[in-house]
Amino acid sequence: MKKKLIQLVFLILPFLCSAQEYIDLFSINYGKSQNTTFENSVVTTNIATFQTNIILPIVLNEKYIAITGVNFSSYNLQLFPNSANNHLYSTNLRAGLGIKHSEHWSGIYLFLPKVASDYINLSSKDIYVGGLAVLKYKRNENFGYGMGLYGSSEAYGISLVPIITFYYHSPNKRFEMNFFLPNDADINYSLTDKTKLGVDFLGHGNSYKVTTDNVRSNYVENNSIDLSSYVQRSVLDKKLLLRLKLGYSLNEFRIYPVDQKLDLQILALKFGDNRTRLFEDKSNTFLLKMEAIYRFDLTTLKK
């Protein structure tokens, strides 16, 4: 029975990663930026962020695996000087398939609906539909790469994002690079069996309709980049990873009338953008973040 279980667990590997031998089933993090001033203002503000992510892979057979999960994130910040704090929320569902096409090639195909707004007077207009398709090539146990496309409807229109993935783990297992661009990148080095030092990059892009005087009159277009260094300590037989991050955050929150949209956005390229920007909050500041990850290490099953 145990042997069959191990065989099933290893079927998960080609679908969720390029070459790495682990799965992050659960993660949670909280961060807060240093006080910063609004652009062209003496008013100060800070940004609090929270995010949690759950992935539940279900093996169907040797070729197919169902991938389910949910991601929840929130921002707490002032969007305007001298205003009360706004709360921006996003709940993303994840449902799809991983397909093992051959010994080296695998693909992930996901349906990604989400609900994003200030969650005041929620309606069907706060629901957005997206999808992701990534094709990955696993050259060997230490190296893999891939490419794909993410698309989603947003409050401002349709957004398309080309995806490039890359993974490398040194033969001695101390040095690791894991890229899922343009969304995130991680480079780390193991000082000891339980301690790592690393640097990472995390890009955010989302839109939220907001309520003013009980009316949905505007939406926020958020683009943020977090650049961090971190120290990681593993506990509970290296299943739980605890990270303390210190870095710099580039935050951009642009506010537009709810009835103004662009034709198409591909990465930072905007087509048919004739919108009138009502306000822009650029809050670039230092950040401190705490993160916990539950990691299932597949290499332990080989022993």
C-alpha atoms as a PDB file:
ATOM      1  CA  MET A   1       0.000   0.000   0.000  1.00  0.00           C
ATOM      2  CA  LYS A   2       2.805   2.436   0.922  1.00  0.00           C
ATOM      3  CA  LYS A   3       4.631   1.660  -2.312  1.00  0.00           C
ATOM      4  CA  LYS A   4       1.516   2.480  -4.358  1.00  0.00           C
ATOM      5  CA  LEU A   5       1.061   5.728  -2.441  1.00  0.00           C
ATOM      6  CA  ILE A   6       4.654   6.766  -3.127  1.00  0.00           C
ATOM      7  CA  GLN A   7       4.170   6.027  -6.825  1.00  0.00           C
ATOM      8  CA  LEU A   8       1.031   8.186  -6.915  1.00  0.00           C
ATOM      9  CA  VAL A   9       2.712  11.063  -5.096  1.00  0.00           C
ATOM     10  CA  PHE A  10       5.575  11.103  -7.599  1.00  0.00           C
ATOM     11  CA  LEU A  11       3.052  11.469 -10.412  1.00  0.00           C
ATOM     12  CA  ILE A  12       2.355  14.966  -9.081  1.00  0.00           C
ATOM     13  CA  LEU A  13       5.911  16.154  -9.678  1.00  0.00           C
ATOM     14  CA  PRO A  14       5.964  16.680 -13.460  1.00  0.00           C
ATOM     15  CA  PHE A  15       2.801  18.796 -13.400  1.00  0.00           C
ATOM     16  CA  LEU A  16       3.457  21.341 -10.649  1.00  0.00           C
ATOM     17  CA  CYS A  17       7.089  22.121 -11.315  1.00  0.00           C
ATOM     18  CA  SER A  18       9.859  22.049 -13.898  1.00  0.00           C
ATOM     19  CA  ALA A  19      12.364  19.922 -12.008  1.00  0.00           C
ATOM     20  CA  GLN A  20      12.103  20.700  -8.306  1.00  0.00           C
ATOM     21  CA  GLU A  21      11.196  17.818  -6.031  1.00  0.00           C
ATOM     22  CA  TYR A  22       8.740  19.507  -3.685  1.00  0.00           C
ATOM     23  CA  ILE A  23       5.257  20.992  -3.582  1.00  0.00           C
ATOM     24  CA  ASP A  24       4.256  24.034  -1.522  1.00  0.00           C
ATOM     25  CA  LEU A  25       0.782  22.952  -0.424  1.00  0.00           C
ATOM     26  CA  PHE A  26       0.085  25.937   1.844  1.00  0.00           C
ATOM     27  CA  SER A  27       1.588  29.364   2.440  1.00  0.00           C
ATOM     28  CA  ILE A  28       0.672  32.444   4.428  1.00  0.00           C
ATOM     29  CA  ASN A  29       2.361  35.822   4.775  1.00  0.00           C
ATOM     30  CA  TYR A  30       1.820  39.232   6.311  1.00  0.00           C
ATOM     31  CA  GLY A  31       3.736  42.387   5.533  1.00  0.00           C
ATOM     32  CA  LYS A  32       3.730  46.057   6.398  1.00  0.00           C
ATOM     33  CA  SER A  33       5.517  48.914   4.703  1.00  0.00           C
ATOM     34  CA  GLN A  34       7.318  51.790   6.339  1.00  0.00           C
ATOM     35  CA  ASN A  35       5.399  55.075   6.530  1.00  0.00           C
ATOM     36  CA  THR A  36       5.708  57.007   3.292  1.00  0.00           C
ATOM     37  CA  THR A  37       4.278  60.227   1.923  1.00  0.00           C
ATOM     38  CA  PHE A  38       1.836  60.540  -0.944  1.00  0.00           C
ATOM     39  CA  GLU A  39       3.245  61.997  -4.130  1.00  0.00           C
ATOM     40  CA  ASN A  40       3.121  65.823  -3.989  1.00  0.00           C
ATOM     41  CA  SER A  41       1.795  65.697  -0.417  1.00  0.00           C
ATOM     42  CA  VAL A  42       3.003  65.785   3.182  1.00  0.00           C
ATOM     43  CA  VAL A  43       0.395  63.204   4.274  1.00  0.00           C
ATOM     44  CA  THR A  44       1.922  59.867   5.320  1.00  0.00           C
ATOM     45  CA  THR A  45       0.499  56.384   4.864  1.00  0.00           C
ATOM     46  CA  ASN A  46       1.548  52.739   5.038  1.00  0.00           C
ATOM     47  CA  ILE A  47       0.373  49.560   3.340  1.00  0.00           C
ATOM     48  CA  ALA A  48      -0.475  46.294   5.116  1.00  0.00           C
ATOM     49  CA  THR A  49      -0.676  43.135   2.993  1.00  0.00           C
ATOM     50  CA  PHE A  50      -1.933  39.630   3.721  1.00  0.00           C
ATOM     51  CA  GLN A  51      -1.920  36.569   1.500  1.00  0.00           C
ATOM     52  CA  THR A  52      -2.665  32.875   1.870  1.00  0.00           C
ATOM     53  CA  ASN A  53      -2.486  30.159  -0.768  1.00  0.00           C
ATOM     54  CA  ILE A  54      -3.653  26.515  -0.803  1.00  0.00           C
ATOM     55  CA  ILE A  55      -2.949  23.935  -3.527  1.00  0.00           C
ATOM     56  CA  LEU A  56      -4.638  20.517  -3.536  1.00  0.00           C
ATOM     57  CA  PRO A  57      -3.447  18.169  -6.328  1.00  0.00           C
ATOM     58  CA  ILE A  58      -5.502  14.996  -6.916  1.00  0.00           C
ATOM     59  CA  VAL A  59      -3.920  12.171  -8.935  1.00  0.00           C
ATOM     60  CA  LEU A  60      -6.368  10.712 -11.461  1.00  0.00           C
ATOM     61  CA  ASN A  61      -4.004   8.312 -13.274  1.00  0.00           C
ATOM     62  CA  GLU A  62      -0.450   8.174 -14.651  1.00  0.00           C
ATOM     63  CA  LYS A  63      -1.171  10.888 -17.219  1.00  0.00           C
ATOM     64  CA  TYR A  64      -3.672  13.252 -15.607  1.00  0.00           C
ATOM     65  CA  ILE A  65      -3.841  15.092 -12.311  1.00  0.00           C
ATOM     66  CA  ALA A  66      -6.597  17.444 -11.129  1.00  0.00           C
ATOM     67  CA  ILE A  67      -5.304  20.700  -9.636  1.00  0.00           C
ATOM     68  CA  THR A  68      -7.505  22.643  -7.247  1.00  0.00           C
ATOM     69  CA  GLY A  69      -6.885  25.422  -4.769  1.00  0.00           C
ATOM     70  CA  VAL A  70      -7.648  28.921  -3.569  1.00  0.00           C
ATOM     71  CA  ASN A  71      -5.673  32.124  -3.042  1.00  0.00           C
ATOM     72  CA  PHE A  72      -6.791  35.049  -0.893  1.00  0.00           C
ATOM     73  CA  SER A  73      -5.026  38.412  -0.691  1.00  0.00           C
ATOM     74  CA  SER A  74      -5.768  41.818   0.790  1.00  0.00           C
ATOM     75  CA  TYR A  75      -4.406  45.362   0.945  1.00  0.00           C
ATOM     76  CA  ASN A  76      -5.118  47.856   3.698  1.00  0.00           C
ATOM     77  CA  LEU A  77      -4.111  51.389   2.707  1.00  0.00           C
ATOM     78  CA  GLN A  78      -5.157  54.972   2.109  1.00  0.00           C
ATOM     79  CA  LEU A  79      -5.986  55.571  -1.538  1.00  0.00           C
ATOM     80  CA  PHE A  80      -6.399  59.339  -1.091  1.00  0.00           C
ATOM     81  CA  PRO A  81      -4.674  61.781   1.284  1.00  0.00           C
ATOM     82  CA  ASN A  82      -6.794  62.622   4.355  1.00  0.00           C
ATOM     83  CA  SER A  83      -9.187  59.717   3.677  1.00  0.00           C
ATOM     84  CA  ALA A  84     -10.008  56.639   5.732  1.00  0.00           C
ATOM     85  CA  ASN A  85      -8.194  53.418   4.944  1.00  0.00           C
ATOM     86  CA  ASN A  86      -9.487  51.307   2.068  1.00  0.00           C
ATOM     87  CA  HIS A  87      -9.548  47.504   2.128  1.00  0.00           C
ATOM     88  CA  LEU A  88      -8.979  45.754  -1.185  1.00  0.00           C
ATOM     89  CA  TYR A  89      -9.624  42.010  -1.409  1.00  0.00           C
ATOM     90  CA  SER A  90      -9.139  39.294  -4.008  1.00  0.00           C
ATOM     91  CA  THR A  91     -10.228  35.645  -3.774  1.00  0.00           C
ATOM     92  CA  ASN A  92      -8.906  33.480  -6.608  1.00  0.00           C
ATOM     93  CA  LEU A  93     -10.108  29.939  -7.244  1.00  0.00           C
ATOM     94  CA  ARG A  94      -7.990  27.400  -9.087  1.00  0.00           C
ATOM     95  CA  ALA A  95      -9.309  24.399 -11.051  1.00  0.00           C
ATOM     96  CA  GLY A  96      -7.739  22.503 -13.914  1.00  0.00           C
ATOM     97  CA  LEU A  97      -5.577  19.678 -15.136  1.00  0.00           C
ATOM     98  CA  GLY A  98      -1.935  18.743 -15.270  1.00  0.00           C
ATOM     99  CA  ILE A  99      -1.110  16.495 -18.216  1.00  0.00           C
ATOM    100  CA  LYS A 100       2.043  14.451 -18.648  1.00  0.00           C
ATOM    101  CA  HIS A 101       2.582  14.615 -22.409  1.00  0.00           C
ATOM    102  CA  SER A 102       5.813  12.602 -22.464  1.00  0.00           C
ATOM    103  CA  GLU A 103       8.858  11.718 -20.380  1.00  0.00           C
ATOM    104  CA  HIS A 104      10.148  15.298 -20.566  1.00  0.00           C
ATOM    105  CA  TRP A 105       7.093  17.408 -21.441  1.00  0.00           C
ATOM    106  CA  SER A 106       4.156  18.290 -19.187  1.00  0.00           C
ATOM    107  CA  GLY A 107       1.492  20.964 -19.141  1.00  0.00           C
ATOM    108  CA  ILE A 108      -0.662  22.836 -16.639  1.00  0.00           C
ATOM    109  CA  TYR A 109      -4.051  24.161 -17.775  1.00  0.00           C
ATOM    110  CA  LEU A 110      -6.082  26.111 -15.222  1.00  0.00           C
ATOM    111  CA  PHE A 111      -9.395  27.941 -14.998  1.00  0.00           C
ATOM    112  CA  LEU A 112      -8.911  30.925 -12.655  1.00  0.00           C
ATOM    113  CA  PRO A 113     -12.072  32.815 -11.675  1.00  0.00           C
ATOM    114  CA  LYS A 114     -11.772  35.488  -8.992  1.00  0.00           C
ATOM    115  CA  VAL A 115     -13.764  37.964  -6.935  1.00  0.00           C
ATOM    116  CA  ALA A 116     -11.937  41.282  -6.479  1.00  0.00           C
ATOM    117  CA  SER A 117     -13.191  44.555  -4.960  1.00  0.00           C
ATOM    118  CA  ASP A 118     -13.524  46.262  -1.590  1.00  0.00           C
ATOM    119  CA  TYR A 119     -16.174  43.568  -0.815  1.00  0.00           C
ATOM    120  CA  ILE A 120     -18.796  46.221  -0.064  1.00  0.00           C
ATOM    121  CA  ASN A 121     -22.130  45.428  -1.741  1.00  0.00           C
ATOM    122  CA  LEU A 122     -20.679  42.440  -3.606  1.00  0.00           C
ATOM    123  CA  SER A 123     -22.328  41.557  -6.916  1.00  0.00           C
ATOM    124  CA  SER A 124     -21.707  39.503 -10.052  1.00  0.00           C
ATOM    125  CA  LYS A 125     -19.873  42.541 -11.491  1.00  0.00           C
ATOM    126  CA  ASP A 126     -17.028  41.797  -9.043  1.00  0.00           C
ATOM    127  CA  ILE A 127     -16.413  38.387 -10.653  1.00  0.00           C
ATOM    128  CA  TYR A 128     -13.617  38.122 -13.229  1.00  0.00           C
ATOM    129  CA  VAL A 129     -12.655  35.112 -15.344  1.00  0.00           C
ATOM    130  CA  GLY A 130      -9.112  34.046 -16.161  1.00  0.00           C
ATOM    131  CA  GLY A 131      -7.048  31.121 -17.343  1.00  0.00           C
ATOM    132  CA  LEU A 132      -3.467  29.852 -17.450  1.00  0.00           C
ATOM    133  CA  ALA A 133      -1.688  27.437 -19.805  1.00  0.00           C
ATOM    134  CA  VAL A 134       1.987  26.532 -19.250  1.00  0.00           C
ATOM    135  CA  LEU A 135       4.031  23.937 -21.129  1.00  0.00           C
ATOM    136  CA  LYS A 136       7.135  22.713 -19.277  1.00  0.00           C
ATOM    137  CA  TYR A 137      10.227  20.770 -20.294  1.00  0.00           C
ATOM    138  CA  LYS A 138      12.145  18.792 -17.661  1.00  0.00           C
ATOM    139  CA  ARG A 139      15.628  18.211 -19.037  1.00  0.00           C
ATOM    140  CA  ASN A 140      16.898  16.330 -15.970  1.00  0.00           C
ATOM    141  CA  GLU A 141      16.488  16.232 -12.195  1.00  0.00           C
ATOM    142  CA  ASN A 142      18.253  19.574 -11.771  1.00  0.00           C
ATOM    143  CA  PHE A 143      17.071  21.685 -14.686  1.00  0.00           C
ATOM    144  CA  GLY A 144      13.824  22.588 -16.424  1.00  0.00           C
ATOM    145  CA  TYR A 145      12.094  25.436 -18.224  1.00  0.00           C
ATOM    146  CA  GLY A 146       8.795  26.332 -19.838  1.00  0.00           C
ATOM    147  CA  MET A 147       6.550  28.970 -21.347  1.00  0.00           C
ATOM    148  CA  GLY A 148       2.884  29.826 -21.353  1.00  0.00           C
ATOM    149  CA  LEU A 149       0.172  32.474 -21.267  1.00  0.00           C
ATOM    150  CA  TYR A 150      -2.097  33.946 -18.589  1.00  0.00           C
ATOM    151  CA  GLY A 151      -5.240  35.890 -19.461  1.00  0.00           C
ATOM    152  CA  SER A 152      -7.913  37.533 -17.334  1.00  0.00           C
ATOM    153  CA  SER A 153     -10.772  39.972 -17.476  1.00  0.00           C
ATOM    154  CA  GLU A 154     -10.248  42.965 -15.184  1.00  0.00           C
ATOM    155  CA  ALA A 155     -12.131  46.070 -14.131  1.00  0.00           C
ATOM    156  CA  TYR A 156     -10.167  47.955 -16.832  1.00  0.00           C
ATOM    157  CA  GLY A 157     -10.560  45.335 -19.617  1.00  0.00           C
ATOM    158  CA  ILE A 158      -8.653  42.279 -20.846  1.00  0.00           C
ATOM    159  CA  SER A 159      -5.123  41.525 -19.634  1.00  0.00           C
ATOM    160  CA  LEU A 160      -2.694  39.045 -21.243  1.00  0.00           C
ATOM    161  CA  VAL A 161       0.634  38.028 -19.682  1.00  0.00           C
ATOM    162  CA  PRO A 162       3.229  35.805 -21.437  1.00  0.00           C
ATOM    163  CA  ILE A 163       4.862  33.410 -18.944  1.00  0.00           C
ATOM    164  CA  ILE A 164       8.439  32.098 -18.832  1.00  0.00           C
ATOM    165  CA  THR A 165       9.539  29.514 -16.240  1.00  0.00           C
ATOM    166  CA  PHE A 166      13.031  28.363 -15.317  1.00  0.00           C
ATOM    167  CA  TYR A 167      14.340  26.081 -12.584  1.00  0.00           C
ATOM    168  CA  TYR A 168      17.862  25.030 -11.560  1.00  0.00           C
ATOM    169  CA  HIS A 169      19.080  23.101  -8.523  1.00  0.00           C
ATOM    170  CA  SER A 170      22.821  22.519  -8.140  1.00  0.00           C
ATOM    171  CA  PRO A 171      23.984  18.889  -7.903  1.00  0.00           C
ATOM    172  CA  ASN A 172      24.941  19.367  -4.235  1.00  0.00           C
ATOM    173  CA  LYS A 173      21.383  20.736  -3.563  1.00  0.00           C
ATOM    174  CA  ARG A 174      22.681  23.931  -1.936  1.00  0.00           C
ATOM    175  CA  PHE A 175      22.002  26.503  -4.659  1.00  0.00           C
ATOM    176  CA  GLU A 176      18.561  26.950  -6.209  1.00  0.00           C
ATOM    177  CA  MET A 177      16.914  29.256  -8.764  1.00  0.00           C
ATOM    178  CA  ASN A 178      13.183  29.176  -9.428  1.00  0.00           C
ATOM    179  CA  PHE A 179      11.603  31.687 -11.840  1.00  0.00           C
ATOM    180  CA  PHE A 180       7.971  32.123 -12.879  1.00  0.00           C
ATOM    181  CA  LEU A 181       8.277  35.384 -14.783  1.00  0.00           C
ATOM    182  CA  PRO A 182       6.997  38.065 -14.737  1.00  0.00           C
ATOM    183  CA  ASN A 183       5.208  37.104 -11.512  1.00  0.00           C
ATOM    184  CA  ASP A 184       7.977  35.892  -9.212  1.00  0.00           C
ATOM    185  CA  ALA A 185      11.586  34.761  -8.942  1.00  0.00           C
ATOM    186  CA  ASP A 186      13.582  33.190  -6.121  1.00  0.00           C
ATOM    187  CA  ILE A 187      17.319  32.562  -5.689  1.00  0.00           C
ATOM    188  CA  ASN A 188      18.562  30.931  -2.494  1.00  0.00           C
ATOM    189  CA  TYR A 189      21.549  29.181  -0.949  1.00  0.00           C
ATOM    190  CA  SER A 190      21.568  26.644   1.903  1.00  0.00           C
ATOM    191  CA  LEU A 191      23.949  27.629   4.695  1.00  0.00           C
ATOM    192  CA  THR A 192      23.058  24.532   6.704  1.00  0.00           C
ATOM    193  CA  ASP A 193      20.596  21.684   6.419  1.00  0.00           C
ATOM    194  CA  LYS A 194      17.861  23.876   7.932  1.00  0.00           C
ATOM    195  CA  THR A 195      18.906  27.478   7.177  1.00  0.00           C
ATOM    196  CA  LYS A 196      18.812  29.325   3.862  1.00  0.00           C
ATOM    197  CA  LEU A 197      19.546  32.820   2.666  1.00  0.00           C
ATOM    198  CA  GLY A 198      17.765  34.100  -0.401  1.00  0.00           C
ATOM    199  CA  VAL A 199      16.513  36.970  -2.499  1.00  0.00           C
ATOM    200  CA  ASP A 200      13.172  37.068  -4.247  1.00  0.00           C
ATOM    201  CA  PHE A 201      11.045  39.165  -6.527  1.00  0.00           C
ATOM    202  CA  LEU A 202       7.249  39.253  -6.440  1.00  0.00           C
ATOM    203  CA  GLY A 203       5.059  41.151  -8.881  1.00  0.00           C
ATOM    204  CA  HIS A 204       1.389  41.943  -8.216  1.00  0.00           C
ATOM    205  CA  GLY A 205      -1.186  43.070 -10.742  1.00  0.00           C
ATOM    206  CA  ASN A 206      -4.891  43.363  -9.989  1.00  0.00           C
ATOM    207  CA  SER A 207      -7.933  45.626 -10.195  1.00  0.00           C
ATOM    208  CA  TYR A 208     -10.617  46.369  -7.625  1.00  0.00           C
ATOM    209  CA  LYS A 209     -13.891  48.253  -7.835  1.00  0.00           C
ATOM    210  CA  VAL A 210     -14.312  50.540  -4.821  1.00  0.00           C
ATOM    211  CA  THR A 211     -17.358  52.043  -3.148  1.00  0.00           C
ATOM    212  CA  THR A 212     -17.699  55.752  -2.398  1.00  0.00           C
ATOM    213  CA  ASP A 213     -20.863  56.962  -0.646  1.00  0.00           C
ATOM    214  CA  ASN A 214     -22.417  53.544  -1.298  1.00  0.00           C
ATOM    215  CA  VAL A 215     -21.844  53.880  -5.058  1.00  0.00           C
ATOM    216  CA  ARG A 216     -19.423  51.916  -7.263  1.00  0.00           C
ATOM    217  CA  SER A 217     -18.044  54.891  -9.147  1.00  0.00           C
ATOM    218  CA  ASN A 218     -14.317  54.061  -9.434  1.00  0.00           C
ATOM    219  CA  TYR A 219     -11.870  51.194  -9.681  1.00  0.00           C
ATOM    220  CA  VAL A 220      -8.254  50.811  -8.598  1.00  0.00           C
ATOM    221  CA  GLU A 221      -5.581  49.417 -10.910  1.00  0.00           C
ATOM    222  CA  ASN A 222      -2.755  48.051  -8.778  1.00  0.00           C
ATOM    223  CA  ASN A 223       0.760  47.214  -9.969  1.00  0.00           C
ATOM    224  CA  SER A 224       3.346  46.449  -7.289  1.00  0.00           C
ATOM    225  CA  ILE A 225       6.835  44.960  -7.189  1.00  0.00           C
ATOM    226  CA  ASP A 226       8.443  43.608  -3.997  1.00  0.00           C
ATOM    227  CA  LEU A 227      12.222  43.052  -3.939  1.00  0.00           C
ATOM    228  CA  SER A 228      13.308  41.228  -0.781  1.00  0.00           C
ATOM    229  CA  SER A 229      16.132  39.392   0.901  1.00  0.00           C
ATOM    230  CA  TYR A 230      15.219  36.734   3.420  1.00  0.00           C
ATOM    231  CA  VAL A 231      16.470  34.248   5.949  1.00  0.00           C
ATOM    232  CA  GLN A 232      14.644  30.929   6.111  1.00  0.00           C
ATOM    233  CA  ARG A 233      14.536  28.368   8.903  1.00  0.00           C
ATOM    234  CA  SER A 234      12.897  24.965   8.471  1.00  0.00           C
ATOM    235  CA  VAL A 235      11.196  23.199  11.387  1.00  0.00           C
ATOM    236  CA  LEU A 236       8.985  20.139  11.908  1.00  0.00           C
ATOM    237  CA  ASP A 237      11.304  17.833   9.992  1.00  0.00           C
ATOM    238  CA  LYS A 238      11.765  20.548   7.318  1.00  0.00           C
ATOM    239  CA  LYS A 239       8.065  20.513   6.412  1.00  0.00           C
ATOM    240  CA  LEU A 240       7.392  24.032   7.728  1.00  0.00           C
ATOM    241  CA  LEU A 241       9.477  26.901   6.365  1.00  0.00           C
ATOM    242  CA  LEU A 242       9.605  30.181   8.308  1.00  0.00           C
ATOM    243  CA  ARG A 243      10.880  33.257   6.499  1.00  0.00           C
ATOM    244  CA  LEU A 244      11.691  36.768   7.654  1.00  0.00           C
ATOM    245  CA  LYS A 245      11.904  39.206   4.734  1.00  0.00           C
ATOM    246  CA  LEU A 246      13.278  42.708   4.453  1.00  0.00           C
ATOM    247  CA  GLY A 247      13.004  44.557   1.189  1.00  0.00           C
ATOM    248  CA  TYR A 248      11.755  47.429  -0.889  1.00  0.00           C
ATOM    249  CA  SER A 249       8.282  47.725  -2.349  1.00  0.00           C
ATOM    250  CA  LEU A 250       7.273  49.757  -5.409  1.00  0.00           C
ATOM    251  CA  ASN A 251       3.520  50.301  -5.194  1.00  0.00           C
ATOM    252  CA  GLU A 252       1.307  51.967  -7.767  1.00  0.00           C
ATOM    253  CA  PHE A 253      -2.440  52.399  -7.241  1.00  0.00           C
ATOM    254  CA  ARG A 254      -4.199  54.271 -10.060  1.00  0.00           C
ATOM    255  CA  ILE A 255      -7.862  55.234  -9.754  1.00  0.00           C
ATOM    256  CA  TYR A 256     -10.181  55.544 -12.761  1.00  0.00           C
ATOM    257  CA  PRO A 257     -13.927  56.028 -13.353  1.00  0.00           C
ATOM    258  CA  VAL A 258     -15.656  52.650 -13.379  1.00  0.00           C
ATOM    259  CA  ASP A 259     -17.059  53.120 -16.898  1.00  0.00           C
ATOM    260  CA  GLN A 260     -13.666  53.822 -18.538  1.00  0.00           C
ATOM    261  CA  LYS A 261     -11.691  50.866 -19.901  1.00  0.00           C
ATOM    262  CA  LEU A 262      -8.826  50.182 -22.269  1.00  0.00           C
ATOM    263  CA  ASP A 263      -8.942  47.831 -25.272  1.00  0.00           C
ATOM    264  CA  LEU A 264      -6.198  45.418 -24.242  1.00  0.00           C
ATOM    265  CA  GLN A 265      -3.203  45.180 -21.900  1.00  0.00           C
ATOM    266  CA  ILE A 266      -0.210  42.927 -22.604  1.00  0.00           C
ATOM    267  CA  LEU A 267       2.283  43.172 -19.744  1.00  0.00           C
ATOM    268  CA  ALA A 268       2.936  46.937 -19.461  1.00  0.00           C
ATOM    269  CA  LEU A 269       1.658  47.715 -22.976  1.00  0.00           C
ATOM    270  CA  LYS A 270      -1.785  49.344 -22.996  1.00  0.00           C
ATOM    271  CA  PHE A 271      -3.830  49.569 -26.192  1.00  0.00           C
ATOM    272  CA  GLY A 272      -6.702  52.014 -26.597  1.00  0.00           C
ATOM    273  CA  ASP A 273      -6.047  53.682 -23.255  1.00  0.00           C
ATOM    274  CA  ASN A 274      -8.038  56.908 -23.261  1.00  0.00           C
ATOM    275  CA  ARG A 275      -8.974  56.795 -19.601  1.00  0.00           C
ATOM    276  CA  THR A 276      -8.955  59.780 -17.256  1.00  0.00           C
ATOM    277  CA  ARG A 277      -6.838  59.054 -14.191  1.00  0.00           C
ATOM    278  CA  LEU A 278      -8.500  60.522 -11.105  1.00  0.00           C
ATOM    279  CA  PHE A 279      -5.641  59.910  -8.694  1.00  0.00           C
ATOM    280  CA  GLU A 280      -2.368  58.012  -8.449  1.00  0.00           C
ATOM    281  CA  ASP A 281      -0.802  56.785  -5.238  1.00  0.00           C
ATOM    282  CA  LYS A 282       2.861  55.846  -5.641  1.00  0.00           C
ATOM    283  CA  SER A 283       4.058  54.540  -2.291  1.00  0.00           C
ATOM    284  CA  ASN A 284       7.624  53.259  -2.688  1.00  0.00           C
ATOM    285  CA  THR A 285       8.934  52.168   0.672  1.00  0.00           C
ATOM    286  CA  PHE A 286      10.802  49.591   2.739  1.00  0.00           C
ATOM    287  CA  LEU A 287       8.810  46.560   3.831  1.00  0.00           C
ATOM    288  CA  LEU A 288       9.035  43.881   6.514  1.00  0.00           C
ATOM    289  CA  LYS A 289       7.274  40.591   5.876  1.00  0.00           C
ATOM    290  CA  MET A 290       6.810  37.287   7.715  1.00  0.00           C
ATOM    291  CA  GLU A 291       6.000  34.135   5.772  1.00  0.00           C
ATOM    292  CA  ALA A 292       5.223  30.492   6.571  1.00  0.00           C
ATOM    293  CA  ILE A 293       5.147  27.696   3.961  1.00  0.00           C
ATOM    294  CA  TYR A 294       4.112  24.063   4.348  1.00  0.00           C
ATOM    295  CA  ARG A 295       6.288  22.144   1.888  1.00  0.00           C
ATOM    296  CA  PHE A 296       5.915  18.493   0.923  1.00  0.00           C
ATOM    297  CA  ASP A 297       9.407  17.252   0.074  1.00  0.00           C
ATOM    298  CA  LEU A 298       9.238  14.405  -2.464  1.00  0.00           C
ATOM    299  CA  THR A 299      12.911  13.457  -2.053  1.00  0.00           C
ATOM    300  CA  THR A 300      12.156  11.969   1.364  1.00  0.00           C
ATOM    301  CA  LEU A 301      10.047   9.312  -0.358  1.00  0.00           C
ATOM    302  CA  LYS A 302      13.063   8.025  -2.282  1.00  0.00           C
ATOM    303  CA  LYS A 303      14.851   6.912   0.862  1.00  0.00           C
END
